[in-house]
Amino acid sequence: MPRNRAGDQRARRKGWGVDRCALILHSLGDIAAIFLGLRILLYLLDANQANVFVDFVHGVADWLAGWSQDIFTMDTEGLRIFFNYAPPAVVYLGIGHGAAAWLRRL
């Protein structure tokens, strides 16, 4: 039976757009989680606070986790950093991967 090549190409092009959008959502969630994880890691490794890269990571992570800041207030600074930046990282991963999976199913 002959295949309809024009129809196959249209279906493939449509799938590429959905896959690209899903990849973008997936990647944005990953990038957000990476910045939040870097914030935790830089604190645990006692990074130089005067460094431009460390300052940039702190600024981005503070912006990404602004909605969840000070949910947990603890005396130990390390635990406070971990519990204020790890949950948003998990949320961004869940939203990014979940939205990408949902979009691919459409």
C-alpha atoms as a PDB file:
ATOM      1  CA  MET A   1       0.000   0.000   0.000  1.00  0.00           C
ATOM      2  CA  PRO A   2       1.553   3.391  -0.943  1.00  0.00           C
ATOM      3  CA  ARG A   3       2.201   5.812   1.872  1.00  0.00           C
ATOM      4  CA  ASN A   4       1.139   9.421   1.847  1.00  0.00           C
ATOM      5  CA  ARG A   5       4.510  11.147   2.090  1.00  0.00           C
ATOM      6  CA  ALA A   6       3.110  14.682   2.320  1.00  0.00           C
ATOM      7  CA  GLY A   7       0.908  13.688   5.270  1.00  0.00           C
ATOM      8  CA  ASP A   8       3.826  11.971   7.006  1.00  0.00           C
ATOM      9  CA  GLN A   9       5.982  15.073   6.615  1.00  0.00           C
ATOM     10  CA  ARG A  10       3.259  17.335   8.016  1.00  0.00           C
ATOM     11  CA  ALA A  11       2.782  15.038  11.012  1.00  0.00           C
ATOM     12  CA  ARG A  12       6.522  14.946  11.605  1.00  0.00           C
ATOM     13  CA  ARG A  13       6.793  18.753  11.446  1.00  0.00           C
ATOM     14  CA  LYS A  14       3.935  19.132  13.919  1.00  0.00           C
ATOM     15  CA  GLY A  15       5.618  16.666  16.250  1.00  0.00           C
ATOM     16  CA  TRP A  16       8.892  18.577  16.027  1.00  0.00           C
ATOM     17  CA  GLY A  17       7.213  21.731  17.294  1.00  0.00           C
ATOM     18  CA  VAL A  18       5.645  19.959  20.235  1.00  0.00           C
ATOM     19  CA  ASP A  19       8.903  18.181  21.011  1.00  0.00           C
ATOM     20  CA  ARG A  20      10.818  21.459  20.890  1.00  0.00           C
ATOM     21  CA  CYS A  21       8.365  23.173  23.236  1.00  0.00           C
ATOM     22  CA  ALA A  22       8.517  20.193  25.584  1.00  0.00           C
ATOM     23  CA  LEU A  23      12.313  20.269  25.464  1.00  0.00           C
ATOM     24  CA  ILE A  24      12.310  23.978  26.305  1.00  0.00           C
ATOM     25  CA  LEU A  25      10.036  23.443  29.322  1.00  0.00           C
ATOM     26  CA  HIS A  26      12.080  20.457  30.424  1.00  0.00           C
ATOM     27  CA  SER A  27      15.331  22.434  30.095  1.00  0.00           C
ATOM     28  CA  LEU A  28      14.002  25.492  31.934  1.00  0.00           C
ATOM     29  CA  GLY A  29      13.023  23.335  34.898  1.00  0.00           C
ATOM     30  CA  ASP A  30      16.458  21.711  34.879  1.00  0.00           C
ATOM     31  CA  ILE A  31      18.273  25.055  34.674  1.00  0.00           C
ATOM     32  CA  ALA A  32      16.256  26.473  37.584  1.00  0.00           C
ATOM     33  CA  ALA A  33      17.032  23.394  39.688  1.00  0.00           C
ATOM     34  CA  ILE A  34      20.727  23.624  38.774  1.00  0.00           C
ATOM     35  CA  PHE A  35      20.958  27.230  39.984  1.00  0.00           C
ATOM     36  CA  LEU A  36      19.216  26.345  43.242  1.00  0.00           C
ATOM     37  CA  GLY A  37      21.450  23.313  43.720  1.00  0.00           C
ATOM     38  CA  LEU A  38      24.520  25.433  42.996  1.00  0.00           C
ATOM     39  CA  ARG A  39      23.403  27.908  45.661  1.00  0.00           C
ATOM     40  CA  ILE A  40      23.300  25.105  48.220  1.00  0.00           C
ATOM     41  CA  LEU A  41      26.601  23.638  47.046  1.00  0.00           C
ATOM     42  CA  LEU A  42      28.414  26.982  47.069  1.00  0.00           C
ATOM     43  CA  TYR A  43      27.264  27.577  50.629  1.00  0.00           C
ATOM     44  CA  LEU A  44      28.304  24.106  51.791  1.00  0.00           C
ATOM     45  CA  LEU A  45      31.732  24.494  50.150  1.00  0.00           C
ATOM     46  CA  ASP A  46      32.140  27.927  51.794  1.00  0.00           C
ATOM     47  CA  ALA A  47      32.628  29.749  48.481  1.00  0.00           C
ATOM     48  CA  ASN A  48      34.096  33.253  48.400  1.00  0.00           C
ATOM     49  CA  GLN A  49      31.120  35.590  48.742  1.00  0.00           C
ATOM     50  CA  ALA A  50      33.010  38.409  46.980  1.00  0.00           C
ATOM     51  CA  ASN A  51      33.378  36.364  43.774  1.00  0.00           C
ATOM     52  CA  VAL A  52      31.302  37.606  40.828  1.00  0.00           C
ATOM     53  CA  PHE A  53      30.134  34.093  39.846  1.00  0.00           C
ATOM     54  CA  VAL A  54      29.074  33.272  43.408  1.00  0.00           C
ATOM     55  CA  ASP A  55      27.203  36.576  43.613  1.00  0.00           C
ATOM     56  CA  PHE A  56      25.467  35.861  40.286  1.00  0.00           C
ATOM     57  CA  VAL A  57      24.387  32.371  41.402  1.00  0.00           C
ATOM     58  CA  HIS A  58      23.101  33.759  44.702  1.00  0.00           C
ATOM     59  CA  GLY A  59      21.101  36.454  42.913  1.00  0.00           C
ATOM     60  CA  VAL A  60      19.503  34.031  40.457  1.00  0.00           C
ATOM     61  CA  ALA A  61      18.771  31.476  43.177  1.00  0.00           C
ATOM     62  CA  ASP A  62      17.267  34.137  45.449  1.00  0.00           C
ATOM     63  CA  TRP A  63      15.023  35.284  42.606  1.00  0.00           C
ATOM     64  CA  LEU A  64      13.944  31.721  41.751  1.00  0.00           C
ATOM     65  CA  ALA A  65      13.253  30.830  45.375  1.00  0.00           C
ATOM     66  CA  GLY A  66      11.763  34.186  46.326  1.00  0.00           C
ATOM     67  CA  TRP A  67       8.300  32.691  46.731  1.00  0.00           C
ATOM     68  CA  SER A  68       9.545  30.123  49.247  1.00  0.00           C
ATOM     69  CA  GLN A  69      12.046  32.123  51.274  1.00  0.00           C
ATOM     70  CA  ASP A  70      11.920  31.667  55.032  1.00  0.00           C
ATOM     71  CA  ILE A  71       9.338  28.918  55.007  1.00  0.00           C
ATOM     72  CA  PHE A  72      11.747  27.156  57.335  1.00  0.00           C
ATOM     73  CA  THR A  73      13.504  29.279  59.937  1.00  0.00           C
ATOM     74  CA  MET A  74      16.252  27.429  61.760  1.00  0.00           C
ATOM     75  CA  ASP A  75      19.194  28.418  63.894  1.00  0.00           C
ATOM     76  CA  THR A  76      21.661  26.402  61.835  1.00  0.00           C
ATOM     77  CA  GLU A  77      22.481  28.384  58.697  1.00  0.00           C
ATOM     78  CA  GLY A  78      23.326  25.287  56.614  1.00  0.00           C
ATOM     79  CA  LEU A  79      19.950  23.661  57.314  1.00  0.00           C
ATOM     80  CA  ARG A  80      18.156  26.929  56.630  1.00  0.00           C
ATOM     81  CA  ILE A  81      19.875  27.273  53.237  1.00  0.00           C
ATOM     82  CA  PHE A  82      19.128  23.658  52.347  1.00  0.00           C
ATOM     83  CA  PHE A  83      15.468  23.693  53.364  1.00  0.00           C
ATOM     84  CA  ASN A  84      14.782  27.054  51.702  1.00  0.00           C
ATOM     85  CA  TYR A  85      16.378  26.175  48.341  1.00  0.00           C
ATOM     86  CA  ALA A  86      15.890  22.407  47.926  1.00  0.00           C
ATOM     87  CA  PRO A  87      12.043  22.354  47.857  1.00  0.00           C
ATOM     88  CA  PRO A  88      11.827  24.988  45.088  1.00  0.00           C
ATOM     89  CA  ALA A  89      14.368  22.968  43.080  1.00  0.00           C
ATOM     90  CA  VAL A  90      12.144  19.901  43.380  1.00  0.00           C
ATOM     91  CA  VAL A  91       9.076  21.968  42.447  1.00  0.00           C
ATOM     92  CA  TYR A  92      10.774  23.395  39.335  1.00  0.00           C
ATOM     93  CA  LEU A  93      11.939  19.924  38.298  1.00  0.00           C
ATOM     94  CA  GLY A  94       8.438  18.524  38.796  1.00  0.00           C
ATOM     95  CA  ILE A  95       6.718  21.333  36.915  1.00  0.00           C
ATOM     96  CA  GLY A  96       9.235  21.349  34.054  1.00  0.00           C
ATOM     97  CA  HIS A  97       9.267  17.596  33.553  1.00  0.00           C
ATOM     98  CA  GLY A  98       5.528  17.212  34.160  1.00  0.00           C
ATOM     99  CA  ALA A  99       4.582  19.976  31.724  1.00  0.00           C
ATOM    100  CA  ALA A 100       6.940  18.536  29.108  1.00  0.00           C
ATOM    101  CA  ALA A 101       5.451  15.054  29.502  1.00  0.00           C
ATOM    102  CA  TRP A 102       1.903  16.447  29.305  1.00  0.00           C
ATOM    103  CA  LEU A 103       2.748  18.437  26.183  1.00  0.00           C
ATOM    104  CA  ARG A 104       4.265  15.414  24.459  1.00  0.00           C
ATOM    105  CA  ARG A 105       1.070  13.430  25.062  1.00  0.00           C
ATOM    106  CA  LEU A 106      -1.100  15.988  23.250  1.00  0.00           C
END
